[in-house]
Amino acid sequence: MTYQSNDNDRATLIDIDREREYWRQHYERMPRASQHRSFELYWPALSSAYDVYLNHPHTDEDTGSALYANSQAVRSRGLTLEEARAVYAEVWQRIKG
């Protein structure tokens, strides 16, 4: 039996501690970051993007972005749809490389 691999079969390992440290250094440039008093208050919005990716690994960026924009963490931080898409796109780019 021959096994053929394609992009949908590829596993992606995410070191969430490393990602958290990356965003700790870079979150201030993200939409609405200045309205939050600390990284700890903004992190749930960022980590929700990883949750979408990990829970829906075969979704495309547009669908993932919509799922992300509708998440509780995003809505509770007052991000507009455009802002949520921008945040998700940044995280997606880090994941996909």
PDB file of N, CA and C in Angstrom:
ATOM      1  N   MET A   1       0.847  -1.173   0.000  1.00  0.00           N
ATOM      2  CA  MET A   1       0.000   0.000   0.000  1.00  0.00           C
ATOM      3  C   MET A   1       0.895   1.239   0.000  1.00  0.00           C
ATOM      4  N   THR A   2       0.597   2.149  -0.879  1.00  0.00           N
ATOM      5  CA  THR A   2       1.359   3.384  -0.981  1.00  0.00           C
ATOM      6  C   THR A   2       0.583   4.510  -0.324  1.00  0.00           C
ATOM      7  N   TYR A   3       1.266   5.253   0.491  1.00  0.00           N
ATOM      8  CA  TYR A   3       0.641   6.395   1.157  1.00  0.00           C
ATOM      9  C   TYR A   3       1.140   7.663   0.503  1.00  0.00           C
ATOM     10  N   GLN A   4       0.206   8.471   0.025  1.00  0.00           N
ATOM     11  CA  GLN A   4       0.573   9.742  -0.576  1.00  0.00           C
ATOM     12  C   GLN A   4       0.192  10.860   0.376  1.00  0.00           C
ATOM     13  N   SER A   5       1.132  11.713   0.614  1.00  0.00           N
ATOM     14  CA  SER A   5       0.906  12.830   1.517  1.00  0.00           C
ATOM     15  C   SER A   5       0.577  14.082   0.715  1.00  0.00           C
ATOM     16  N   ASN A   6      -0.312  14.896   1.254  1.00  0.00           N
ATOM     17  CA  ASN A   6      -0.567  16.206   0.659  1.00  0.00           C
ATOM     18  C   ASN A   6      -0.607  17.229   1.779  1.00  0.00           C
ATOM     19  N   ASP A   7      -0.811  18.496   1.435  1.00  0.00           N
ATOM     20  CA  ASP A   7      -0.787  19.550   2.446  1.00  0.00           C
ATOM     21  C   ASP A   7      -1.816  19.343   3.545  1.00  0.00           C
ATOM     22  N   ASN A   8      -2.951  18.738   3.236  1.00  0.00           N
ATOM     23  CA  ASN A   8      -3.983  18.532   4.253  1.00  0.00           C
ATOM     24  C   ASN A   8      -3.584  17.463   5.262  1.00  0.00           C
ATOM     25  N   ASP A   9      -2.620  16.606   4.899  1.00  0.00           N
ATOM     26  CA  ASP A   9      -2.167  15.551   5.794  1.00  0.00           C
ATOM     27  C   ASP A   9      -1.020  15.999   6.691  1.00  0.00           C
ATOM     28  N   ARG A  10      -0.428  17.128   6.380  1.00  0.00           N
ATOM     29  CA  ARG A  10       0.748  17.597   7.098  1.00  0.00           C
ATOM     30  C   ARG A  10       0.372  18.049   8.509  1.00  0.00           C
ATOM     31  N   ALA A  11       1.111  17.598   9.478  1.00  0.00           N
ATOM     32  CA  ALA A  11       0.884  18.005  10.864  1.00  0.00           C
ATOM     33  C   ALA A  11       1.699  19.258  11.161  1.00  0.00           C
ATOM     34  N   THR A  12       1.120  20.145  11.918  1.00  0.00           N
ATOM     35  CA  THR A  12       1.807  21.353  12.337  1.00  0.00           C
ATOM     36  C   THR A  12       1.902  21.343  13.851  1.00  0.00           C
ATOM     37  N   LEU A  13       3.123  21.465  14.348  1.00  0.00           N
ATOM     38  CA  LEU A  13       3.353  21.518  15.776  1.00  0.00           C
ATOM     39  C   LEU A  13       3.445  22.984  16.185  1.00  0.00           C
ATOM     40  N   ILE A  14       2.684  23.359  17.178  1.00  0.00           N
ATOM     41  CA  ILE A  14       2.704  24.734  17.660  1.00  0.00           C
ATOM     42  C   ILE A  14       3.170  24.733  19.107  1.00  0.00           C
ATOM     43  N   ASP A  15       4.256  25.425  19.342  1.00  0.00           N
ATOM     44  CA  ASP A  15       4.767  25.605  20.700  1.00  0.00           C
ATOM     45  C   ASP A  15       4.093  26.862  21.245  1.00  0.00           C
ATOM     46  N   ILE A  16       2.993  26.680  21.959  1.00  0.00           N
ATOM     47  CA  ILE A  16       2.183  27.809  22.392  1.00  0.00           C
ATOM     48  C   ILE A  16       2.937  28.715  23.366  1.00  0.00           C
ATOM     49  N   ASP A  17       3.850  28.172  24.144  1.00  0.00           N
ATOM     50  CA  ASP A  17       4.653  29.016  25.037  1.00  0.00           C
ATOM     51  C   ASP A  17       5.567  29.937  24.227  1.00  0.00           C
ATOM     52  N   ARG A  18       6.146  29.401  23.185  1.00  0.00           N
ATOM     53  CA  ARG A  18       6.992  30.219  22.306  1.00  0.00           C
ATOM     54  C   ARG A  18       6.164  31.288  21.591  1.00  0.00           C
ATOM     55  N   GLU A  19       4.978  30.897  21.135  1.00  0.00           N
ATOM     56  CA  GLU A  19       4.103  31.856  20.466  1.00  0.00           C
ATOM     57  C   GLU A  19       3.674  32.963  21.425  1.00  0.00           C
ATOM     58  N   ARG A  20       3.359  32.575  22.625  1.00  0.00           N
ATOM     59  CA  ARG A  20       2.964  33.570  23.636  1.00  0.00           C
ATOM     60  C   ARG A  20       4.090  34.579  23.862  1.00  0.00           C
ATOM     61  N   GLU A  21       5.321  34.112  23.958  1.00  0.00           N
ATOM     62  CA  GLU A  21       6.452  35.021  24.144  1.00  0.00           C
ATOM     63  C   GLU A  21       6.666  35.911  22.922  1.00  0.00           C
ATOM     64  N   TYR A  22       6.487  35.348  21.728  1.00  0.00           N
ATOM     65  CA  TYR A  22       6.591  36.170  20.519  1.00  0.00           C
ATOM     66  C   TYR A  22       5.575  37.310  20.568  1.00  0.00           C
ATOM     67  N   TRP A  23       4.320  36.954  20.852  1.00  0.00           N
ATOM     68  CA  TRP A  23       3.268  37.977  20.855  1.00  0.00           C
ATOM     69  C   TRP A  23       3.432  38.960  22.009  1.00  0.00           C
ATOM     70  N   ARG A  24       4.007  38.526  23.102  1.00  0.00           N
ATOM     71  CA  ARG A  24       4.265  39.455  24.210  1.00  0.00           C
ATOM     72  C   ARG A  24       5.144  40.613  23.717  1.00  0.00           C
ATOM     73  N   GLN A  25       6.062  40.312  22.814  1.00  0.00           N
ATOM     74  CA  GLN A  25       6.965  41.327  22.273  1.00  0.00           C
ATOM     75  C   GLN A  25       6.359  42.127  21.117  1.00  0.00           C
ATOM     76  N   HIS A  26       5.295  41.595  20.487  1.00  0.00           N
ATOM     77  CA  HIS A  26       4.772  42.216  19.262  1.00  0.00           C
ATOM     78  C   HIS A  26       3.298  42.615  19.299  1.00  0.00           C
ATOM     79  N   TYR A  27       2.590  42.318  20.351  1.00  0.00           N
ATOM     80  CA  TYR A  27       1.145  42.543  20.357  1.00  0.00           C
ATOM     81  C   TYR A  27       0.749  44.011  20.271  1.00  0.00           C
ATOM     82  N   GLU A  28       1.609  44.889  20.695  1.00  0.00           N
ATOM     83  CA  GLU A  28       1.245  46.311  20.765  1.00  0.00           C
ATOM     84  C   GLU A  28       0.887  46.913  19.412  1.00  0.00           C
ATOM     85  N   ARG A  29       1.310  46.286  18.332  1.00  0.00           N
ATOM     86  CA  ARG A  29       0.981  46.785  16.999  1.00  0.00           C
ATOM     87  C   ARG A  29      -0.356  46.229  16.474  1.00  0.00           C
ATOM     88  N   MET A  30      -0.988  45.373  17.253  1.00  0.00           N
ATOM     89  CA  MET A  30      -2.239  44.743  16.834  1.00  0.00           C
ATOM     90  C   MET A  30      -3.422  45.672  17.094  1.00  0.00           C
ATOM     91  N   PRO A  31      -4.524  45.459  16.340  1.00  0.00           N
ATOM     92  CA  PRO A  31      -5.714  46.297  16.536  1.00  0.00           C
ATOM     93  C   PRO A  31      -6.212  46.278  17.985  1.00  0.00           C
ATOM     94  N   ARG A  32      -6.507  47.448  18.495  1.00  0.00           N
ATOM     95  CA  ARG A  32      -7.060  47.671  19.836  1.00  0.00           C
ATOM     96  C   ARG A  32      -6.137  47.289  20.987  1.00  0.00           C
ATOM     97  N   ALA A  33      -4.905  46.960  20.703  1.00  0.00           N
ATOM     98  CA  ALA A  33      -3.976  46.582  21.775  1.00  0.00           C
ATOM     99  C   ALA A  33      -3.776  47.737  22.755  1.00  0.00           C
ATOM    100  N   SER A  34      -3.790  48.956  22.255  1.00  0.00           N
ATOM    101  CA  SER A  34      -3.568  50.102  23.133  1.00  0.00           C
ATOM    102  C   SER A  34      -4.712  50.306  24.129  1.00  0.00           C
ATOM    103  N   GLN A  35      -5.875  49.734  23.847  1.00  0.00           N
ATOM    104  CA  GLN A  35      -7.012  49.868  24.756  1.00  0.00           C
ATOM    105  C   GLN A  35      -6.939  48.884  25.920  1.00  0.00           C
ATOM    106  N   HIS A  36      -6.079  47.900  25.797  1.00  0.00           N
ATOM    107  CA  HIS A  36      -5.908  46.927  26.873  1.00  0.00           C
ATOM    108  C   HIS A  36      -4.680  47.336  27.678  1.00  0.00           C
ATOM    109  N   ARG A  37      -4.755  47.169  28.954  1.00  0.00           N
ATOM    110  CA  ARG A  37      -3.684  47.655  29.821  1.00  0.00           C
ATOM    111  C   ARG A  37      -2.464  46.755  29.874  1.00  0.00           C
ATOM    112  N   SER A  38      -2.598  45.547  29.382  1.00  0.00           N
ATOM    113  CA  SER A  38      -1.463  44.634  29.456  1.00  0.00           C
ATOM    114  C   SER A  38      -1.595  43.537  28.408  1.00  0.00           C
ATOM    115  N   PHE A  39      -0.494  42.858  28.201  1.00  0.00           N
ATOM    116  CA  PHE A  39      -0.497  41.715  27.298  1.00  0.00           C
ATOM    117  C   PHE A  39      -1.465  40.646  27.795  1.00  0.00           C
ATOM    118  N   GLU A  40      -1.509  40.450  29.104  1.00  0.00           N
ATOM    119  CA  GLU A  40      -2.377  39.412  29.672  1.00  0.00           C
ATOM    120  C   GLU A  40      -3.841  39.630  29.296  1.00  0.00           C
ATOM    121  N   LEU A  41      -4.246  40.869  29.158  1.00  0.00           N
ATOM    122  CA  LEU A  41      -5.628  41.150  28.763  1.00  0.00           C
ATOM    123  C   LEU A  41      -5.858  40.956  27.264  1.00  0.00           C
ATOM    124  N   TYR A  42      -4.798  41.051  26.469  1.00  0.00           N
ATOM    125  CA  TYR A  42      -4.926  40.888  25.018  1.00  0.00           C
ATOM    126  C   TYR A  42      -4.704  39.448  24.564  1.00  0.00           C
ATOM    127  N   TRP A  43      -3.957  38.686  25.327  1.00  0.00           N
ATOM    128  CA  TRP A  43      -3.608  37.325  24.946  1.00  0.00           C
ATOM    129  C   TRP A  43      -4.809  36.454  24.584  1.00  0.00           C
ATOM    130  N   PRO A  44      -5.935  36.499  25.289  1.00  0.00           N
ATOM    131  CA  PRO A  44      -7.060  35.654  24.895  1.00  0.00           C
ATOM    132  C   PRO A  44      -7.512  35.874  23.444  1.00  0.00           C
ATOM    133  N   ALA A  45      -7.424  37.095  22.966  1.00  0.00           N
ATOM    134  CA  ALA A  45      -7.794  37.357  21.570  1.00  0.00           C
ATOM    135  C   ALA A  45      -6.808  36.682  20.620  1.00  0.00           C
ATOM    136  N   LEU A  46      -5.545  36.700  20.959  1.00  0.00           N
ATOM    137  CA  LEU A  46      -4.543  36.041  20.118  1.00  0.00           C
ATOM    138  C   LEU A  46      -4.639  34.519  20.219  1.00  0.00           C
ATOM    139  N   SER A  47      -4.774  34.016  21.422  1.00  0.00           N
ATOM    140  CA  SER A  47      -4.806  32.564  21.591  1.00  0.00           C
ATOM    141  C   SER A  47      -6.040  31.946  20.940  1.00  0.00           C
ATOM    142  N   SER A  48      -7.098  32.710  20.806  1.00  0.00           N
ATOM    143  CA  SER A  48      -8.293  32.194  20.123  1.00  0.00           C
ATOM    144  C   SER A  48      -8.021  31.880  18.660  1.00  0.00           C
ATOM    145  N   ALA A  49      -7.106  32.601  18.044  1.00  0.00           N
ATOM    146  CA  ALA A  49      -6.739  32.303  16.657  1.00  0.00           C
ATOM    147  C   ALA A  49      -6.069  30.931  16.574  1.00  0.00           C
ATOM    148  N   TYR A  50      -5.220  30.628  17.550  1.00  0.00           N
ATOM    149  CA  TYR A  50      -4.593  29.303  17.584  1.00  0.00           C
ATOM    150  C   TYR A  50      -5.642  28.227  17.850  1.00  0.00           C
ATOM    151  N   ASP A  51      -6.607  28.523  18.718  1.00  0.00           N
ATOM    152  CA  ASP A  51      -7.681  27.567  18.991  1.00  0.00           C
ATOM    153  C   ASP A  51      -8.442  27.221  17.717  1.00  0.00           C
ATOM    154  N   VAL A  52      -8.762  28.234  16.928  1.00  0.00           N
ATOM    155  CA  VAL A  52      -9.474  27.991  15.672  1.00  0.00           C
ATOM    156  C   VAL A  52      -8.631  27.102  14.767  1.00  0.00           C
ATOM    157  N   TYR A  53      -7.370  27.443  14.631  1.00  0.00           N
ATOM    158  CA  TYR A  53      -6.501  26.655  13.754  1.00  0.00           C
ATOM    159  C   TYR A  53      -6.398  25.205  14.223  1.00  0.00           C
ATOM    160  N   LEU A  54      -6.205  24.998  15.517  1.00  0.00           N
ATOM    161  CA  LEU A  54      -6.040  23.642  16.042  1.00  0.00           C
ATOM    162  C   LEU A  54      -7.333  22.836  16.022  1.00  0.00           C
ATOM    163  N   ASN A  55      -8.465  23.492  16.242  1.00  0.00           N
ATOM    164  CA  ASN A  55      -9.750  22.786  16.262  1.00  0.00           C
ATOM    165  C   ASN A  55     -10.357  22.599  14.878  1.00  0.00           C
ATOM    166  N   HIS A  56      -9.869  23.334  13.904  1.00  0.00           N
ATOM    167  CA  HIS A  56     -10.371  23.246  12.528  1.00  0.00           C
ATOM    168  C   HIS A  56      -9.177  23.236  11.572  1.00  0.00           C
ATOM    169  N   PRO A  57      -8.336  22.205  11.644  1.00  0.00           N
ATOM    170  CA  PRO A  57      -7.064  22.217  10.918  1.00  0.00           C
ATOM    171  C   PRO A  57      -7.181  22.213   9.390  1.00  0.00           C
ATOM    172  N   HIS A  58      -8.316  21.819   8.862  1.00  0.00           N
ATOM    173  CA  HIS A  58      -8.453  21.734   7.407  1.00  0.00           C
ATOM    174  C   HIS A  58      -9.243  22.888   6.811  1.00  0.00           C
ATOM    175  N   THR A  59      -9.554  23.865   7.622  1.00  0.00           N
ATOM    176  CA  THR A  59     -10.315  25.008   7.128  1.00  0.00           C
ATOM    177  C   THR A  59      -9.389  25.967   6.379  1.00  0.00           C
ATOM    178  N   ASP A  60      -9.953  26.723   5.477  1.00  0.00           N
ATOM    179  CA  ASP A  60      -9.139  27.723   4.785  1.00  0.00           C
ATOM    180  C   ASP A  60      -9.084  28.999   5.629  1.00  0.00           C
ATOM    181  N   GLU A  61      -8.269  29.946   5.195  1.00  0.00           N
ATOM    182  CA  GLU A  61      -8.069  31.158   5.985  1.00  0.00           C
ATOM    183  C   GLU A  61      -9.353  31.967   6.137  1.00  0.00           C
ATOM    184  N   ASP A  62     -10.162  32.050   5.093  1.00  0.00           N
ATOM    185  CA  ASP A  62     -11.395  32.835   5.176  1.00  0.00           C
ATOM    186  C   ASP A  62     -12.380  32.246   6.178  1.00  0.00           C
ATOM    187  N   THR A  63     -12.550  30.931   6.148  1.00  0.00           N
ATOM    188  CA  THR A  63     -13.455  30.282   7.090  1.00  0.00           C
ATOM    189  C   THR A  63     -12.911  30.386   8.511  1.00  0.00           C
ATOM    190  N   GLY A  64     -11.611  30.176   8.658  1.00  0.00           N
ATOM    191  CA  GLY A  64     -10.987  30.314   9.972  1.00  0.00           C
ATOM    192  C   GLY A  64     -11.140  31.714  10.523  1.00  0.00           C
ATOM    193  N   SER A  65     -10.995  32.682   9.647  1.00  0.00           N
ATOM    194  CA  SER A  65     -11.150  34.080  10.057  1.00  0.00           C
ATOM    195  C   SER A  65     -12.564  34.354  10.551  1.00  0.00           C
ATOM    196  N   ALA A  66     -13.558  33.803   9.871  1.00  0.00           N
ATOM    197  CA  ALA A  66     -14.951  33.984  10.293  1.00  0.00           C
ATOM    198  C   ALA A  66     -15.204  33.313  11.637  1.00  0.00           C
ATOM    199  N   LEU A  67     -14.690  32.100  11.819  1.00  0.00           N
ATOM    200  CA  LEU A  67     -14.831  31.414  13.108  1.00  0.00           C
ATOM    201  C   LEU A  67     -14.171  32.224  14.218  1.00  0.00           C
ATOM    202  N   TYR A  68     -13.005  32.747  13.927  1.00  0.00           N
ATOM    203  CA  TYR A  68     -12.266  33.548  14.898  1.00  0.00           C
ATOM    204  C   TYR A  68     -13.042  34.814  15.263  1.00  0.00           C
ATOM    205  N   ALA A  69     -13.550  35.509  14.268  1.00  0.00           N
ATOM    206  CA  ALA A  69     -14.276  36.766  14.509  1.00  0.00           C
ATOM    207  C   ALA A  69     -15.506  36.551  15.383  1.00  0.00           C
ATOM    208  N   ASN A  70     -16.074  35.359  15.327  1.00  0.00           N
ATOM    209  CA  ASN A  70     -17.266  35.054  16.121  1.00  0.00           C
ATOM    210  C   ASN A  70     -16.961  34.445  17.482  1.00  0.00           C
ATOM    211  N   SER A  71     -15.691  34.295  17.809  1.00  0.00           N
ATOM    212  CA  SER A  71     -15.350  33.695  19.105  1.00  0.00           C
ATOM    213  C   SER A  71     -15.622  34.684  20.243  1.00  0.00           C
ATOM    214  N   GLN A  72     -15.887  34.145  21.399  1.00  0.00           N
ATOM    215  CA  GLN A  72     -16.184  34.960  22.578  1.00  0.00           C
ATOM    216  C   GLN A  72     -15.029  35.887  22.936  1.00  0.00           C
ATOM    217  N   ALA A  73     -13.808  35.379  22.866  1.00  0.00           N
ATOM    218  CA  ALA A  73     -12.647  36.192  23.230  1.00  0.00           C
ATOM    219  C   ALA A  73     -12.504  37.407  22.329  1.00  0.00           C
ATOM    220  N   VAL A  74     -12.824  37.259  21.066  1.00  0.00           N
ATOM    221  CA  VAL A  74     -12.723  38.372  20.120  1.00  0.00           C
ATOM    222  C   VAL A  74     -13.860  39.363  20.339  1.00  0.00           C
ATOM    223  N   ARG A  75     -15.064  38.850  20.458  1.00  0.00           N
ATOM    224  CA  ARG A  75     -16.217  39.733  20.658  1.00  0.00           C
ATOM    225  C   ARG A  75     -16.109  40.510  21.971  1.00  0.00           C
ATOM    226  N   SER A  76     -15.598  39.867  23.012  1.00  0.00           N
ATOM    227  CA  SER A  76     -15.510  40.543  24.311  1.00  0.00           C
ATOM    228  C   SER A  76     -14.434  41.627  24.345  1.00  0.00           C
ATOM    229  N   ARG A  77     -13.538  41.609  23.369  1.00  0.00           N
ATOM    230  CA  ARG A  77     -12.513  42.642  23.302  1.00  0.00           C
ATOM    231  C   ARG A  77     -12.878  43.761  22.338  1.00  0.00           C
ATOM    232  N   GLY A  78     -14.064  43.692  21.771  1.00  0.00           N
ATOM    233  CA  GLY A  78     -14.576  44.779  20.949  1.00  0.00           C
ATOM    234  C   GLY A  78     -13.934  44.936  19.585  1.00  0.00           C
ATOM    235  N   LEU A  79     -13.305  43.865  19.084  1.00  0.00           N
ATOM    236  CA  LEU A  79     -12.706  43.953  17.753  1.00  0.00           C
ATOM    237  C   LEU A  79     -13.793  43.981  16.684  1.00  0.00           C
ATOM    238  N   THR A  80     -13.639  44.854  15.709  1.00  0.00           N
ATOM    239  CA  THR A  80     -14.554  44.857  14.565  1.00  0.00           C
ATOM    240  C   THR A  80     -14.223  43.648  13.693  1.00  0.00           C
ATOM    241  N   LEU A  81     -15.074  43.378  12.730  1.00  0.00           N
ATOM    242  CA  LEU A  81     -14.824  42.266  11.814  1.00  0.00           C
ATOM    243  C   LEU A  81     -13.493  42.470  11.078  1.00  0.00           C
ATOM    244  N   GLU A  82     -13.240  43.679  10.639  1.00  0.00           N
ATOM    245  CA  GLU A  82     -11.992  43.957   9.918  1.00  0.00           C
ATOM    246  C   GLU A  82     -10.782  43.792  10.832  1.00  0.00           C
ATOM    247  N   GLU A  83     -10.891  44.250  12.072  1.00  0.00           N
ATOM    248  CA  GLU A  83      -9.799  44.098  13.026  1.00  0.00           C
ATOM    249  C   GLU A  83      -9.555  42.628  13.343  1.00  0.00           C
ATOM    250  N   ALA A  84     -10.632  41.872  13.527  1.00  0.00           N
ATOM    251  CA  ALA A  84     -10.497  40.443  13.804  1.00  0.00           C
ATOM    252  C   ALA A  84      -9.826  39.735  12.634  1.00  0.00           C
ATOM    253  N   ARG A  85     -10.210  40.086  11.424  1.00  0.00           N
ATOM    254  CA  ARG A  85      -9.566  39.484  10.251  1.00  0.00           C
ATOM    255  C   ARG A  85      -8.076  39.812  10.206  1.00  0.00           C
ATOM    256  N   ALA A  86      -7.717  41.028  10.573  1.00  0.00           N
ATOM    257  CA  ALA A  86      -6.314  41.433  10.575  1.00  0.00           C
ATOM    258  C   ALA A  86      -5.512  40.636  11.606  1.00  0.00           C
ATOM    259  N   VAL A  87      -6.070  40.463  12.788  1.00  0.00           N
ATOM    260  CA  VAL A  87      -5.389  39.692  13.832  1.00  0.00           C
ATOM    261  C   VAL A  87      -5.242  38.243  13.386  1.00  0.00           C
ATOM    262  N   TYR A  88      -6.318  37.656  12.890  1.00  0.00           N
ATOM    263  CA  TYR A  88      -6.270  36.259  12.462  1.00  0.00           C
ATOM    264  C   TYR A  88      -5.252  36.077  11.335  1.00  0.00           C
ATOM    265  N   ALA A  89      -5.208  37.008  10.411  1.00  0.00           N
ATOM    266  CA  ALA A  89      -4.256  36.926   9.293  1.00  0.00           C
ATOM    267  C   ALA A  89      -2.817  36.936   9.797  1.00  0.00           C
ATOM    268  N   GLU A  90      -2.542  37.736  10.814  1.00  0.00           N
ATOM    269  CA  GLU A  90      -1.186  37.782  11.387  1.00  0.00           C
ATOM    270  C   GLU A  90      -0.815  36.454  12.028  1.00  0.00           C
ATOM    271  N   VAL A  91      -1.730  35.885  12.794  1.00  0.00           N
ATOM    272  CA  VAL A  91      -1.454  34.609  13.443  1.00  0.00           C
ATOM    273  C   VAL A  91      -1.356  33.513  12.383  1.00  0.00           C
ATOM    274  N   TRP A  92      -2.257  33.498  11.416  1.00  0.00           N
ATOM    275  CA  TRP A  92      -2.248  32.513  10.332  1.00  0.00           C
ATOM    276  C   TRP A  92      -0.892  32.558   9.613  1.00  0.00           C
ATOM    277  N   GLN A  93      -0.391  33.736   9.355  1.00  0.00           N
ATOM    278  CA  GLN A  93       0.898  33.884   8.670  1.00  0.00           C
ATOM    279  C   GLN A  93       2.022  33.275   9.496  1.00  0.00           C
ATOM    280  N   ARG A  94       1.972  33.449  10.816  1.00  0.00           N
ATOM    281  CA  ARG A  94       3.003  32.837  11.678  1.00  0.00           C
ATOM    282  C   ARG A  94       2.900  31.320  11.647  1.00  0.00           C
ATOM    283  N   ILE A  95       1.691  30.799  11.650  1.00  0.00           N
ATOM    284  CA  ILE A  95       1.514  29.349  11.634  1.00  0.00           C
ATOM    285  C   ILE A  95       1.965  28.764  10.306  1.00  0.00           C
ATOM    286  N   LYS A  96       1.527  29.376   9.231  1.00  0.00           N
ATOM    287  CA  LYS A  96       1.809  28.842   7.892  1.00  0.00           C
ATOM    288  C   LYS A  96       3.214  29.155   7.398  1.00  0.00           C
ATOM    289  N   GLY A  97       3.824  30.175   7.999  1.00  0.00           N
ATOM    290  CA  GLY A  97       5.194  30.514   7.644  1.00  0.00           C
ATOM    291  C   GLY A  97       5.339  31.296   6.432  1.00  0.00           C
TER     292      GLY A  97
END
